[in-house]
Every structure is written in C-alpha cells, then in structure tokens.
Amino acid sequence: MSFDENCRDCPRLAGFLDEVRVELPAYYSKPVPPFGDPSAELLIVGLAPGKHGANRTGRPFTGDFAGILLYETLHEYGFSNQNGSDNPLDGLKLINCRITNAVKCLPPQNKPDTAEIRQCNRFLAEEIKRSTPKVILALGSIAHQAVLMAHGLKIRDYRFGHHAVHDLPGVNDLRNGIRLYDSYHCSRYNTQTRRLTPAMFKAVMADIRRVLAVG
C-alpha cells in the first residue's frame, strides 16, 4: 500500500498526533513521507519521527539531533548535496539515497508498540518493492526488524548488530537482491554515550559506498 498522509489506522498514534497538533499547531504532525530519490540504490530506514524533528518539519531526520550525524555522513560520502538539514526549504537534496521510517507517525515517548510497527509495515514493504534498492541501511533494531518483516523473514535468522551485514534470501550479488546493513541509531543518547561514534557510523557508510561503487 502506498504512503497515506491521512492514515489513522493506529488509534493510539492518531490520538497522540491530535494532541500534539493542538499543543503545537505550527508543527507538521501527520504521517511523515519518505524523502529522497524514489529509485535510489540506498534506502535508509529509521525508527519514527521525532517530536521536534520530522514531526515538526515533515521530513525524516530534519531539524533534530539525530539528523546531525546522519546528514554530515551522507554528505561526506556523496549521498547529499549539503551536510545539514534544518528545515524542508533548506535546499537539501539526496543523491542516490532515500530515507524513510519503520513507523511513519510520532509515537508517545518515541516508542511504537509491536502492533503499530506491524500495521505500518505495509507502507515500508511497498516502498522497498517500488524503489528496488540495492542496499538498505537499518538504523537501530526496530528498523532492522521492520525490514525483515517487510520481506516476510524471521527475525531470529538475521541478528541485529552494529555493522552487521545480511544478504537476504536468494541474494548472491547486488544484481539479484538487497543487502541489509545495520547500525546503531544516530540518536542523541547513542552519540552522547559514545555507543555510536562518528567513526563507527562512517565505517558503515564507507562500506556501503564501496559496495555500491562496484555493484
């Protein structure tokens, strides 16, 4: 199913967005669409919109702390035309890259429940089907699980780990399928506690850049 900015299929999320819309009327506060090249070879999957980031701006990772490391690294490795993203009018363009989230709506406390992840997964499955990326980068374990769910795969067969790489069934090389890379999420908590350092994240992106260059 194609993305629907009017989707209200998850009652808890729809109700929470109604509350946020009243609290912060200038915010976007709707399901956030994917951003970037529709036919990109690289698809990045995050968790969900941040309250004062994508939920405010309407563009994934735009205007919040998690976007700082992400967009700096994308620019360094040639996947964007500039190294930051403050608002949807800042002129940012992605190059051979597309960004989306496992859950399109802002969840309370940034924690979607399992039913909401499953309900929203049809949108991610359709995005993957339509864009046919060669590489998917999952930011965090929930994004990793959502990608597997979109492919009908069992989570226990593909364990999440930072810089883990998974060739999905039937994939012998990039001409025949998708390669899934994992990274810890570039959240404020992960970067400030050094669970994810810039060097760690750039190492993953460097591998993706090399793979796409020879693919």
N, C-alpha and C. Protein backbone atom coordinates (compact mmCIF):
# COMPACT_ATOMS: atom_id res chain seq x y z
N MET A 1 0.84 -1.19 0.00
CA MET A 1 0.00 0.00 0.00
C MET A 1 0.88 1.24 0.00
N SER A 2 0.53 2.22 -0.85
CA SER A 2 1.30 3.45 -0.95
C SER A 2 1.11 4.31 0.29
N PHE A 3 2.10 5.13 0.57
CA PHE A 3 2.06 6.03 1.73
C PHE A 3 0.79 6.87 1.72
N ASP A 4 0.21 7.06 2.90
CA ASP A 4 -1.01 7.83 3.04
C ASP A 4 -0.84 8.82 4.19
N GLU A 5 -0.75 10.09 3.87
CA GLU A 5 -0.53 11.10 4.92
C GLU A 5 -1.76 11.28 5.80
N ASN A 6 -2.89 10.72 5.41
CA ASN A 6 -4.10 10.82 6.21
C ASN A 6 -4.41 9.53 6.98
N CYS A 7 -3.46 8.62 7.01
CA CYS A 7 -3.67 7.34 7.68
C CYS A 7 -3.95 7.55 9.18
N ARG A 8 -4.98 6.84 9.68
CA ARG A 8 -5.32 6.86 11.11
C ARG A 8 -5.57 5.43 11.59
N ASP A 9 -4.85 4.49 11.03
CA ASP A 9 -5.10 3.08 11.32
C ASP A 9 -4.61 2.64 12.69
N CYS A 10 -3.76 3.44 13.32
CA CYS A 10 -3.28 3.12 14.67
C CYS A 10 -3.92 4.12 15.64
N PRO A 11 -4.94 3.71 16.37
CA PRO A 11 -5.69 4.66 17.21
C PRO A 11 -4.83 5.43 18.21
N ARG A 12 -3.86 4.75 18.83
CA ARG A 12 -3.03 5.42 19.82
C ARG A 12 -2.19 6.52 19.16
N LEU A 13 -1.60 6.22 18.01
CA LEU A 13 -0.77 7.20 17.32
C LEU A 13 -1.61 8.34 16.76
N ALA A 14 -2.75 8.01 16.19
CA ALA A 14 -3.62 9.05 15.64
C ALA A 14 -4.09 9.99 16.75
N GLY A 15 -4.45 9.43 17.89
CA GLY A 15 -4.89 10.25 19.01
C GLY A 15 -3.78 11.13 19.56
N PHE A 16 -2.58 10.57 19.60
CA PHE A 16 -1.44 11.34 20.11
C PHE A 16 -1.12 12.50 19.17
N LEU A 17 -1.17 12.25 17.86
CA LEU A 17 -0.93 13.33 16.91
C LEU A 17 -1.99 14.42 17.02
N ASP A 18 -3.23 14.04 17.30
CA ASP A 18 -4.28 15.04 17.52
C ASP A 18 -3.92 15.94 18.70
N GLU A 19 -3.39 15.34 19.76
CA GLU A 19 -3.00 16.11 20.94
C GLU A 19 -1.83 17.04 20.62
N VAL A 20 -0.84 16.52 19.89
CA VAL A 20 0.33 17.33 19.55
C VAL A 20 -0.07 18.47 18.62
N ARG A 21 -1.01 18.22 17.75
CA ARG A 21 -1.46 19.25 16.82
C ARG A 21 -2.09 20.42 17.57
N VAL A 22 -2.78 20.13 18.66
CA VAL A 22 -3.36 21.18 19.49
C VAL A 22 -2.28 21.89 20.30
N GLU A 23 -1.35 21.10 20.84
CA GLU A 23 -0.26 21.66 21.65
C GLU A 23 0.68 22.51 20.81
N LEU A 24 0.99 22.04 19.59
CA LEU A 24 1.98 22.69 18.74
C LEU A 24 1.38 22.88 17.33
N PRO A 25 0.50 23.83 17.16
CA PRO A 25 -0.23 23.96 15.90
C PRO A 25 0.63 24.28 14.69
N ALA A 26 1.82 24.78 14.90
CA ALA A 26 2.70 25.09 13.78
C ALA A 26 3.44 23.86 13.25
N TYR A 27 3.36 22.77 13.98
CA TYR A 27 4.08 21.55 13.59
C TYR A 27 3.33 20.80 12.48
N TYR A 28 4.07 19.99 11.73
CA TYR A 28 3.50 19.17 10.66
C TYR A 28 2.50 18.16 11.24
N SER A 29 2.91 17.35 12.19
CA SER A 29 2.06 16.46 12.97
C SER A 29 1.13 15.60 12.13
N LYS A 30 1.70 14.93 11.14
CA LYS A 30 0.99 13.95 10.32
C LYS A 30 1.97 12.82 10.03
N PRO A 31 1.51 11.71 9.44
CA PRO A 31 2.46 10.70 8.99
C PRO A 31 3.50 11.33 8.06
N VAL A 32 4.77 11.02 8.31
CA VAL A 32 5.86 11.67 7.58
C VAL A 32 6.25 10.82 6.36
N PRO A 33 6.24 11.38 5.17
CA PRO A 33 6.55 10.62 3.96
C PRO A 33 8.05 10.37 3.82
N PRO A 34 8.42 9.41 2.97
CA PRO A 34 9.83 9.21 2.65
C PRO A 34 10.40 10.46 1.96
N PHE A 35 11.72 10.55 1.96
CA PHE A 35 12.39 11.70 1.35
C PHE A 35 13.57 11.21 0.53
N GLY A 36 13.71 11.76 -0.68
CA GLY A 36 14.87 11.45 -1.50
C GLY A 36 14.49 10.85 -2.85
N ASP A 37 15.49 10.30 -3.49
CA ASP A 37 15.36 9.74 -4.82
C ASP A 37 14.48 8.49 -4.80
N PRO A 38 13.34 8.47 -5.51
CA PRO A 38 12.45 7.31 -5.48
C PRO A 38 13.08 6.03 -6.03
N SER A 39 14.11 6.16 -6.84
CA SER A 39 14.76 4.98 -7.42
C SER A 39 16.19 4.81 -6.91
N ALA A 40 16.46 5.32 -5.71
CA ALA A 40 17.82 5.28 -5.15
C ALA A 40 18.29 3.86 -4.89
N GLU A 41 19.59 3.66 -5.00
CA GLU A 41 20.18 2.36 -4.69
C GLU A 41 20.29 2.14 -3.17
N LEU A 42 20.31 3.24 -2.40
CA LEU A 42 20.42 3.16 -0.95
C LEU A 42 19.13 3.65 -0.30
N LEU A 43 18.53 2.80 0.51
CA LEU A 43 17.36 3.17 1.31
C LEU A 43 17.75 3.10 2.78
N ILE A 44 17.58 4.21 3.49
CA ILE A 44 17.86 4.26 4.93
C ILE A 44 16.54 4.22 5.69
N VAL A 45 16.46 3.32 6.66
CA VAL A 45 15.24 3.15 7.44
C VAL A 45 15.51 3.51 8.89
N GLY A 46 14.82 4.52 9.39
CA GLY A 46 14.92 4.90 10.78
C GLY A 46 13.78 4.31 11.60
N LEU A 47 13.61 4.80 12.81
CA LEU A 47 12.58 4.28 13.71
C LEU A 47 11.24 4.97 13.46
N ALA A 48 11.14 6.25 13.81
CA ALA A 48 9.89 7.00 13.72
C ALA A 48 10.23 8.48 13.79
N PRO A 49 9.33 9.36 13.40
CA PRO A 49 9.60 10.80 13.50
C PRO A 49 9.83 11.24 14.94
N GLY A 50 10.77 12.14 15.13
CA GLY A 50 10.98 12.75 16.43
C GLY A 50 10.00 13.90 16.63
N LYS A 51 9.60 14.15 17.86
CA LYS A 51 8.57 15.16 18.12
C LYS A 51 8.96 16.53 17.59
N HIS A 52 10.21 16.93 17.84
CA HIS A 52 10.64 18.26 17.42
C HIS A 52 11.53 18.21 16.17
N GLY A 53 11.58 17.05 15.55
CA GLY A 53 12.34 16.87 14.31
C GLY A 53 11.38 16.68 13.16
N ALA A 54 11.29 15.45 12.65
CA ALA A 54 10.45 15.19 11.48
C ALA A 54 8.98 15.48 11.74
N ASN A 55 8.52 15.27 12.96
CA ASN A 55 7.12 15.60 13.26
C ASN A 55 6.88 17.11 13.16
N ARG A 56 7.92 17.88 13.36
CA ARG A 56 7.80 19.35 13.23
C ARG A 56 7.93 19.78 11.78
N THR A 57 8.90 19.19 11.07
CA THR A 57 9.25 19.66 9.74
C THR A 57 8.58 18.90 8.59
N GLY A 58 8.16 17.66 8.86
CA GLY A 58 7.56 16.85 7.81
C GLY A 58 8.57 16.17 6.92
N ARG A 59 9.84 16.13 7.33
CA ARG A 59 10.87 15.45 6.53
C ARG A 59 11.75 14.62 7.46
N PRO A 60 12.02 13.36 7.12
CA PRO A 60 12.78 12.48 8.03
C PRO A 60 14.13 13.08 8.45
N PHE A 61 14.40 13.02 9.75
CA PHE A 61 15.68 13.44 10.34
C PHE A 61 16.00 14.92 10.12
N THR A 62 15.01 15.71 9.79
CA THR A 62 15.23 17.12 9.53
C THR A 62 14.88 17.95 10.76
N GLY A 63 15.86 18.69 11.27
CA GLY A 63 15.63 19.60 12.37
C GLY A 63 15.78 19.00 13.74
N ASP A 64 16.33 17.78 13.84
CA ASP A 64 16.56 17.22 15.17
C ASP A 64 17.99 16.71 15.30
N PHE A 65 18.36 16.34 16.52
CA PHE A 65 19.75 15.98 16.81
C PHE A 65 20.20 14.77 16.00
N ALA A 66 19.32 13.77 15.83
CA ALA A 66 19.71 12.55 15.13
C ALA A 66 20.13 12.83 13.70
N GLY A 67 19.61 13.90 13.11
CA GLY A 67 19.96 14.21 11.73
C GLY A 67 21.34 14.79 11.56
N ILE A 68 21.95 15.27 12.64
CA ILE A 68 23.26 15.92 12.51
C ILE A 68 24.30 14.94 11.97
N LEU A 69 24.50 13.84 12.67
CA LEU A 69 25.48 12.86 12.23
C LEU A 69 25.07 12.22 10.91
N LEU A 70 23.78 11.93 10.76
CA LEU A 70 23.31 11.28 9.54
C LEU A 70 23.62 12.13 8.31
N TYR A 71 23.20 13.38 8.31
CA TYR A 71 23.37 14.20 7.10
C TYR A 71 24.82 14.62 6.89
N GLU A 72 25.58 14.79 7.96
CA GLU A 72 27.01 15.07 7.78
C GLU A 72 27.69 13.89 7.07
N THR A 73 27.34 12.69 7.48
CA THR A 73 27.97 11.50 6.91
C THR A 73 27.49 11.25 5.48
N LEU A 74 26.21 11.45 5.23
CA LEU A 74 25.71 11.29 3.86
C LEU A 74 26.42 12.26 2.92
N HIS A 75 26.63 13.48 3.37
CA HIS A 75 27.33 14.46 2.53
C HIS A 75 28.78 14.05 2.30
N GLU A 76 29.44 13.58 3.34
CA GLU A 76 30.85 13.18 3.22
C GLU A 76 31.03 12.07 2.20
N TYR A 77 30.05 11.17 2.11
CA TYR A 77 30.18 10.03 1.21
C TYR A 77 29.39 10.19 -0.09
N GLY A 78 29.00 11.43 -0.38
CA GLY A 78 28.44 11.73 -1.68
C GLY A 78 26.98 11.40 -1.86
N PHE A 79 26.24 11.23 -0.76
CA PHE A 79 24.82 10.90 -0.86
C PHE A 79 23.91 12.11 -0.67
N SER A 80 24.48 13.29 -0.45
CA SER A 80 23.67 14.50 -0.35
C SER A 80 24.48 15.70 -0.80
N ASN A 81 23.78 16.79 -1.10
CA ASN A 81 24.45 17.97 -1.63
C ASN A 81 24.90 18.94 -0.55
N GLN A 82 24.53 18.70 0.73
CA GLN A 82 24.97 19.56 1.81
C GLN A 82 25.00 18.76 3.11
N ASN A 83 25.67 19.30 4.11
CA ASN A 83 25.97 18.49 5.29
C ASN A 83 25.05 18.74 6.48
N GLY A 84 23.91 19.35 6.26
CA GLY A 84 22.98 19.58 7.35
C GLY A 84 21.56 19.71 6.84
N SER A 85 20.60 19.62 7.76
CA SER A 85 19.20 19.71 7.38
C SER A 85 18.41 20.33 8.52
N ASP A 86 18.02 21.60 8.34
CA ASP A 86 17.29 22.31 9.39
C ASP A 86 15.79 22.40 9.13
N ASN A 87 15.42 22.54 7.85
CA ASN A 87 14.01 22.68 7.51
C ASN A 87 13.80 22.25 6.06
N PRO A 88 12.58 21.96 5.67
CA PRO A 88 12.32 21.44 4.32
C PRO A 88 12.64 22.41 3.19
N LEU A 89 12.93 23.66 3.52
CA LEU A 89 13.26 24.65 2.49
C LEU A 89 14.74 24.96 2.45
N ASP A 90 15.57 24.10 3.05
CA ASP A 90 17.00 24.40 3.14
C ASP A 90 17.80 23.98 1.91
N GLY A 91 17.13 23.46 0.89
CA GLY A 91 17.83 23.11 -0.34
C GLY A 91 18.50 21.76 -0.34
N LEU A 92 18.31 20.98 0.70
CA LEU A 92 18.93 19.65 0.77
C LEU A 92 18.37 18.74 -0.32
N LYS A 93 19.28 18.06 -1.00
CA LYS A 93 18.90 17.04 -1.98
C LYS A 93 19.72 15.78 -1.72
N LEU A 94 19.06 14.65 -1.72
CA LEU A 94 19.75 13.38 -1.58
C LEU A 94 20.15 12.85 -2.95
N ILE A 95 21.28 12.18 -2.99
CA ILE A 95 21.85 11.68 -4.24
C ILE A 95 21.92 10.16 -4.16
N ASN A 96 21.12 9.49 -4.96
CA ASN A 96 21.08 8.01 -4.97
C ASN A 96 20.76 7.46 -3.59
N CYS A 97 19.95 8.19 -2.85
CA CYS A 97 19.62 7.83 -1.47
C CYS A 97 18.18 8.24 -1.17
N ARG A 98 17.53 7.46 -0.34
CA ARG A 98 16.17 7.74 0.10
C ARG A 98 16.07 7.39 1.58
N ILE A 99 15.31 8.17 2.33
CA ILE A 99 15.19 7.96 3.77
C ILE A 99 13.72 7.82 4.14
N THR A 100 13.44 6.84 4.98
CA THR A 100 12.08 6.63 5.48
C THR A 100 12.16 6.15 6.92
N ASN A 101 11.01 5.84 7.50
CA ASN A 101 10.96 5.32 8.86
C ASN A 101 10.12 4.05 8.93
N ALA A 102 10.43 3.22 9.91
CA ALA A 102 9.65 2.00 10.11
C ALA A 102 8.21 2.33 10.49
N VAL A 103 8.05 3.38 11.29
CA VAL A 103 6.74 3.87 11.69
C VAL A 103 6.64 5.33 11.26
N LYS A 104 5.59 5.67 10.54
CA LYS A 104 5.52 6.98 9.91
C LYS A 104 5.01 8.08 10.83
N CYS A 105 4.37 7.71 11.96
CA CYS A 105 3.80 8.70 12.88
C CYS A 105 4.62 8.80 14.16
N LEU A 106 4.61 9.98 14.74
CA LEU A 106 5.25 10.20 16.04
C LEU A 106 4.59 9.33 17.11
N PRO A 107 5.36 8.46 17.78
CA PRO A 107 4.78 7.68 18.88
C PRO A 107 5.07 8.34 20.23
N PRO A 108 4.19 8.14 21.21
CA PRO A 108 4.47 8.66 22.55
C PRO A 108 5.80 8.12 23.07
N GLN A 109 6.61 9.00 23.65
CA GLN A 109 7.92 8.65 24.20
C GLN A 109 8.82 7.99 23.15
N ASN A 110 8.54 8.24 21.89
CA ASN A 110 9.33 7.70 20.78
C ASN A 110 9.37 6.18 20.79
N LYS A 111 8.30 5.54 21.29
CA LYS A 111 8.27 4.09 21.40
C LYS A 111 6.99 3.53 20.79
N PRO A 112 7.03 3.16 19.50
CA PRO A 112 5.86 2.49 18.92
C PRO A 112 5.71 1.09 19.51
N ASP A 113 4.47 0.62 19.61
CA ASP A 113 4.30 -0.75 20.08
C ASP A 113 4.33 -1.72 18.91
N THR A 114 4.37 -3.00 19.22
CA THR A 114 4.54 -4.03 18.17
C THR A 114 3.41 -3.99 17.16
N ALA A 115 2.18 -3.80 17.63
CA ALA A 115 1.04 -3.76 16.72
C ALA A 115 1.16 -2.59 15.75
N GLU A 116 1.67 -1.46 16.22
CA GLU A 116 1.82 -0.28 15.36
C GLU A 116 2.92 -0.50 14.32
N ILE A 117 3.98 -1.15 14.71
CA ILE A 117 5.06 -1.47 13.76
C ILE A 117 4.52 -2.39 12.66
N ARG A 118 3.74 -3.37 13.06
CA ARG A 118 3.16 -4.30 12.09
C ARG A 118 2.16 -3.59 11.18
N GLN A 119 1.33 -2.74 11.77
CA GLN A 119 0.31 -2.05 10.98
C GLN A 119 0.94 -1.15 9.92
N CYS A 120 2.03 -0.49 10.28
CA CYS A 120 2.69 0.45 9.37
C CYS A 120 3.60 -0.26 8.37
N ASN A 121 3.88 -1.53 8.60
CA ASN A 121 4.89 -2.22 7.80
C ASN A 121 4.50 -2.34 6.34
N ARG A 122 3.21 -2.31 6.06
CA ARG A 122 2.79 -2.44 4.66
C ARG A 122 3.31 -1.27 3.82
N PHE A 123 3.43 -0.10 4.45
CA PHE A 123 3.97 1.05 3.72
C PHE A 123 5.45 0.85 3.41
N LEU A 124 6.20 0.35 4.37
CA LEU A 124 7.62 0.09 4.14
C LEU A 124 7.81 -0.98 3.08
N ALA A 125 7.00 -2.04 3.14
CA ALA A 125 7.10 -3.11 2.15
C ALA A 125 6.86 -2.57 0.75
N GLU A 126 5.89 -1.69 0.61
CA GLU A 126 5.59 -1.10 -0.70
C GLU A 126 6.72 -0.18 -1.15
N GLU A 127 7.31 0.58 -0.22
CA GLU A 127 8.43 1.45 -0.58
C GLU A 127 9.60 0.63 -1.12
N ILE A 128 9.89 -0.48 -0.46
CA ILE A 128 11.00 -1.33 -0.91
C ILE A 128 10.69 -1.93 -2.27
N LYS A 129 9.47 -2.39 -2.44
CA LYS A 129 9.06 -3.00 -3.70
C LYS A 129 9.16 -2.01 -4.85
N ARG A 130 8.72 -0.79 -4.62
CA ARG A 130 8.69 0.21 -5.69
C ARG A 130 10.08 0.76 -6.02
N SER A 131 10.88 0.99 -4.98
CA SER A 131 12.18 1.63 -5.22
C SER A 131 13.29 0.65 -5.57
N THR A 132 13.09 -0.62 -5.24
CA THR A 132 14.07 -1.69 -5.52
C THR A 132 15.51 -1.27 -5.19
N PRO A 133 15.80 -0.91 -3.95
CA PRO A 133 17.17 -0.52 -3.59
C PRO A 133 18.11 -1.71 -3.65
N LYS A 134 19.38 -1.42 -3.83
CA LYS A 134 20.40 -2.46 -3.75
C LYS A 134 20.85 -2.68 -2.32
N VAL A 135 20.83 -1.60 -1.54
CA VAL A 135 21.29 -1.65 -0.15
C VAL A 135 20.25 -0.96 0.74
N ILE A 136 19.98 -1.57 1.88
CA ILE A 136 19.16 -0.93 2.91
C ILE A 136 20.02 -0.78 4.16
N LEU A 137 20.01 0.41 4.74
CA LEU A 137 20.69 0.66 6.00
C LEU A 137 19.62 0.82 7.08
N ALA A 138 19.60 -0.09 8.04
CA ALA A 138 18.65 -0.04 9.15
C ALA A 138 19.30 0.65 10.34
N LEU A 139 18.70 1.73 10.79
CA LEU A 139 19.21 2.47 11.94
C LEU A 139 18.49 1.99 13.19
N GLY A 140 19.09 1.05 13.89
CA GLY A 140 18.52 0.51 15.11
C GLY A 140 17.80 -0.81 14.89
N SER A 141 17.55 -1.49 15.99
CA SER A 141 16.99 -2.85 15.92
C SER A 141 15.56 -2.87 15.43
N ILE A 142 14.76 -1.85 15.76
CA ILE A 142 13.37 -1.85 15.30
C ILE A 142 13.31 -1.67 13.79
N ALA A 143 14.14 -0.79 13.25
CA ALA A 143 14.20 -0.64 11.80
C ALA A 143 14.66 -1.94 11.14
N HIS A 144 15.65 -2.58 11.73
CA HIS A 144 16.14 -3.87 11.24
C HIS A 144 15.00 -4.89 11.19
N GLN A 145 14.25 -4.99 12.28
CA GLN A 145 13.15 -5.94 12.33
C GLN A 145 12.06 -5.59 11.33
N ALA A 146 11.82 -4.30 11.14
CA ALA A 146 10.78 -3.88 10.20
C ALA A 146 11.15 -4.25 8.76
N VAL A 147 12.42 -4.13 8.42
CA VAL A 147 12.87 -4.53 7.07
C VAL A 147 12.67 -6.03 6.87
N LEU A 148 13.03 -6.82 7.87
CA LEU A 148 12.83 -8.26 7.77
C LEU A 148 11.34 -8.59 7.66
N MET A 149 10.52 -7.91 8.45
CA MET A 149 9.08 -8.12 8.41
C MET A 149 8.53 -7.82 7.01
N ALA A 150 9.04 -6.75 6.40
CA ALA A 150 8.58 -6.37 5.06
C ALA A 150 8.91 -7.44 4.03
N HIS A 151 9.93 -8.25 4.31
CA HIS A 151 10.32 -9.33 3.41
C HIS A 151 9.75 -10.68 3.84
N GLY A 152 8.99 -10.69 4.92
CA GLY A 152 8.43 -11.95 5.41
C GLY A 152 9.47 -12.89 5.99
N LEU A 153 10.54 -12.33 6.56
CA LEU A 153 11.63 -13.14 7.09
C LEU A 153 11.57 -13.23 8.61
N LYS A 154 12.16 -14.25 9.16
CA LYS A 154 12.17 -14.46 10.60
C LYS A 154 13.31 -13.69 11.23
N ILE A 155 12.98 -12.93 12.27
CA ILE A 155 13.97 -12.08 12.92
C ILE A 155 15.11 -12.90 13.50
N ARG A 156 14.81 -14.07 14.03
CA ARG A 156 15.85 -14.88 14.67
C ARG A 156 16.93 -15.34 13.70
N ASP A 157 16.62 -15.32 12.42
CA ASP A 157 17.59 -15.77 11.42
C ASP A 157 18.57 -14.66 10.99
N TYR A 158 18.29 -13.43 11.41
CA TYR A 158 19.12 -12.29 10.99
C TYR A 158 19.31 -11.39 12.21
N ARG A 159 20.34 -11.63 12.97
CA ARG A 159 20.53 -10.92 14.23
C ARG A 159 21.05 -9.51 14.00
N PHE A 160 20.46 -8.57 14.71
CA PHE A 160 20.91 -7.18 14.62
C PHE A 160 22.22 -7.00 15.36
N GLY A 161 23.10 -6.21 14.79
CA GLY A 161 24.34 -5.82 15.44
C GLY A 161 24.96 -4.68 14.67
N HIS A 162 25.62 -3.78 15.37
CA HIS A 162 26.22 -2.66 14.65
C HIS A 162 27.23 -3.17 13.62
N HIS A 163 27.09 -2.67 12.41
CA HIS A 163 27.93 -3.02 11.26
C HIS A 163 27.73 -4.48 10.82
N ALA A 164 26.63 -5.09 11.24
CA ALA A 164 26.29 -6.41 10.72
C ALA A 164 25.80 -6.25 9.28
N VAL A 165 26.05 -7.27 8.48
CA VAL A 165 25.64 -7.26 7.07
C VAL A 165 24.88 -8.54 6.78
N HIS A 166 23.74 -8.40 6.12
CA HIS A 166 22.91 -9.55 5.83
C HIS A 166 22.52 -9.55 4.36
N ASP A 167 22.80 -10.65 3.68
CA ASP A 167 22.27 -10.84 2.33
C ASP A 167 20.94 -11.55 2.45
N LEU A 168 19.91 -10.95 1.93
CA LEU A 168 18.59 -11.53 2.04
C LEU A 168 18.46 -12.75 1.13
N PRO A 169 17.50 -13.64 1.36
CA PRO A 169 17.42 -14.91 0.62
C PRO A 169 17.50 -14.73 -0.89
N GLY A 170 18.29 -15.59 -1.49
CA GLY A 170 18.44 -15.56 -2.93
C GLY A 170 19.41 -14.53 -3.45
N VAL A 171 20.05 -13.82 -2.53
CA VAL A 171 20.96 -12.75 -2.93
C VAL A 171 22.39 -13.29 -3.02
N ASN A 172 22.91 -13.39 -4.23
CA ASN A 172 24.30 -13.79 -4.43
C ASN A 172 25.18 -12.58 -4.70
N ASP A 173 24.61 -11.57 -5.29
CA ASP A 173 25.31 -10.30 -5.51
C ASP A 173 24.25 -9.22 -5.64
N LEU A 174 24.69 -8.00 -5.75
CA LEU A 174 23.75 -6.89 -5.72
C LEU A 174 22.86 -6.82 -6.95
N ARG A 175 23.18 -7.53 -8.02
CA ARG A 175 22.31 -7.53 -9.19
C ARG A 175 21.04 -8.33 -8.93
N ASN A 176 21.07 -9.18 -7.95
CA ASN A 176 19.95 -10.10 -7.74
C ASN A 176 19.15 -9.85 -6.47
N GLY A 177 19.48 -8.85 -5.70
CA GLY A 177 18.72 -8.66 -4.48
C GLY A 177 19.23 -7.51 -3.63
N ILE A 178 18.88 -7.57 -2.34
CA ILE A 178 19.16 -6.48 -1.42
C ILE A 178 20.13 -6.93 -0.33
N ARG A 179 21.06 -6.06 -0.02
CA ARG A 179 21.96 -6.30 1.10
C ARG A 179 21.58 -5.35 2.24
N LEU A 180 21.37 -5.92 3.41
CA LEU A 180 20.95 -5.16 4.58
C LEU A 180 22.13 -4.90 5.50
N TYR A 181 22.38 -3.62 5.77
CA TYR A 181 23.40 -3.20 6.74
C TYR A 181 22.70 -2.69 7.99
N ASP A 182 23.30 -2.97 9.13
CA ASP A 182 22.78 -2.49 10.41
C ASP A 182 23.71 -1.45 11.02
N SER A 183 23.11 -0.49 11.70
CA SER A 183 23.88 0.46 12.50
C SER A 183 23.07 0.82 13.73
N TYR A 184 23.76 1.12 14.82
CA TYR A 184 23.05 1.73 15.93
C TYR A 184 22.43 3.04 15.43
N HIS A 185 21.30 3.38 16.01
CA HIS A 185 20.62 4.61 15.62
C HIS A 185 21.45 5.82 16.02
N CYS A 186 21.45 6.84 15.17
CA CYS A 186 22.26 8.04 15.43
C CYS A 186 21.49 9.02 16.31
N SER A 187 20.93 8.52 17.37
CA SER A 187 20.16 9.33 18.31
C SER A 187 21.08 10.12 19.23
N ARG A 188 20.51 11.10 19.92
CA ARG A 188 21.29 11.88 20.88
C ARG A 188 21.88 10.97 21.97
N TYR A 189 21.04 10.06 22.48
CA TYR A 189 21.51 9.17 23.54
C TYR A 189 22.70 8.33 23.08
N ASN A 190 22.58 7.71 21.91
CA ASN A 190 23.65 6.83 21.43
C ASN A 190 24.93 7.59 21.13
N THR A 191 24.82 8.78 20.58
CA THR A 191 26.04 9.52 20.25
C THR A 191 26.68 10.16 21.47
N GLN A 192 25.86 10.64 22.40
CA GLN A 192 26.43 11.28 23.59
C GLN A 192 27.04 10.26 24.55
N THR A 193 26.51 9.04 24.58
CA THR A 193 27.08 8.00 25.43
C THR A 193 28.21 7.26 24.73
N ARG A 194 28.47 7.62 23.47
CA ARG A 194 29.54 7.03 22.67
C ARG A 194 29.24 5.57 22.29
N ARG A 195 28.01 5.16 22.46
CA ARG A 195 27.64 3.84 21.94
C ARG A 195 27.82 3.83 20.42
N LEU A 196 27.52 4.98 19.81
CA LEU A 196 27.78 5.17 18.39
C LEU A 196 28.65 6.40 18.22
N THR A 197 29.85 6.22 17.72
CA THR A 197 30.74 7.34 17.45
C THR A 197 30.67 7.69 15.96
N PRO A 198 31.08 8.91 15.60
CA PRO A 198 31.12 9.24 14.17
C PRO A 198 31.96 8.26 13.37
N ALA A 199 33.09 7.80 13.94
CA ALA A 199 33.95 6.85 13.22
C ALA A 199 33.23 5.54 12.97
N MET A 200 32.46 5.08 13.95
CA MET A 200 31.72 3.83 13.78
C MET A 200 30.68 3.96 12.67
N PHE A 201 29.96 5.08 12.68
CA PHE A 201 28.91 5.27 11.67
C PHE A 201 29.52 5.46 10.28
N LYS A 202 30.61 6.20 10.21
CA LYS A 202 31.25 6.42 8.92
C LYS A 202 31.84 5.13 8.35
N ALA A 203 32.26 4.23 9.21
CA ALA A 203 32.78 2.95 8.72
C ALA A 203 31.70 2.16 7.99
N VAL A 204 30.48 2.20 8.54
CA VAL A 204 29.36 1.52 7.87
C VAL A 204 29.07 2.19 6.53
N MET A 205 29.02 3.51 6.52
CA MET A 205 28.71 4.23 5.29
C MET A 205 29.80 4.05 4.24
N ALA A 206 31.05 3.97 4.69
CA ALA A 206 32.15 3.75 3.75
C ALA A 206 32.00 2.40 3.07
N ASP A 207 31.61 1.38 3.82
CA ASP A 207 31.39 0.06 3.23
C ASP A 207 30.26 0.11 2.21
N ILE A 208 29.18 0.80 2.55
CA ILE A 208 28.06 0.91 1.61
C ILE A 208 28.50 1.63 0.34
N ARG A 209 29.28 2.70 0.50
CA ARG A 209 29.76 3.44 -0.66
C ARG A 209 30.60 2.56 -1.57
N ARG A 210 31.46 1.73 -0.98
CA ARG A 210 32.31 0.83 -1.78
C ARG A 210 31.46 -0.23 -2.49
N VAL A 211 30.49 -0.80 -1.78
CA VAL A 211 29.65 -1.82 -2.37
C VAL A 211 28.86 -1.29 -3.55
N LEU A 212 28.29 -0.11 -3.39
CA LEU A 212 27.52 0.47 -4.50
C LEU A 212 28.41 0.87 -5.66
N ALA A 213 29.63 1.25 -5.36
CA ALA A 213 30.55 1.64 -6.44
C ALA A 213 30.90 0.46 -7.34
N VAL A 214 30.92 -0.75 -6.78
CA VAL A 214 31.28 -1.93 -7.59
C VAL A 214 30.05 -2.73 -7.99
N GLY A 215 28.88 -2.35 -7.49
CA GLY A 215 27.67 -3.12 -7.75
C GLY A 215 27.05 -2.83 -9.09
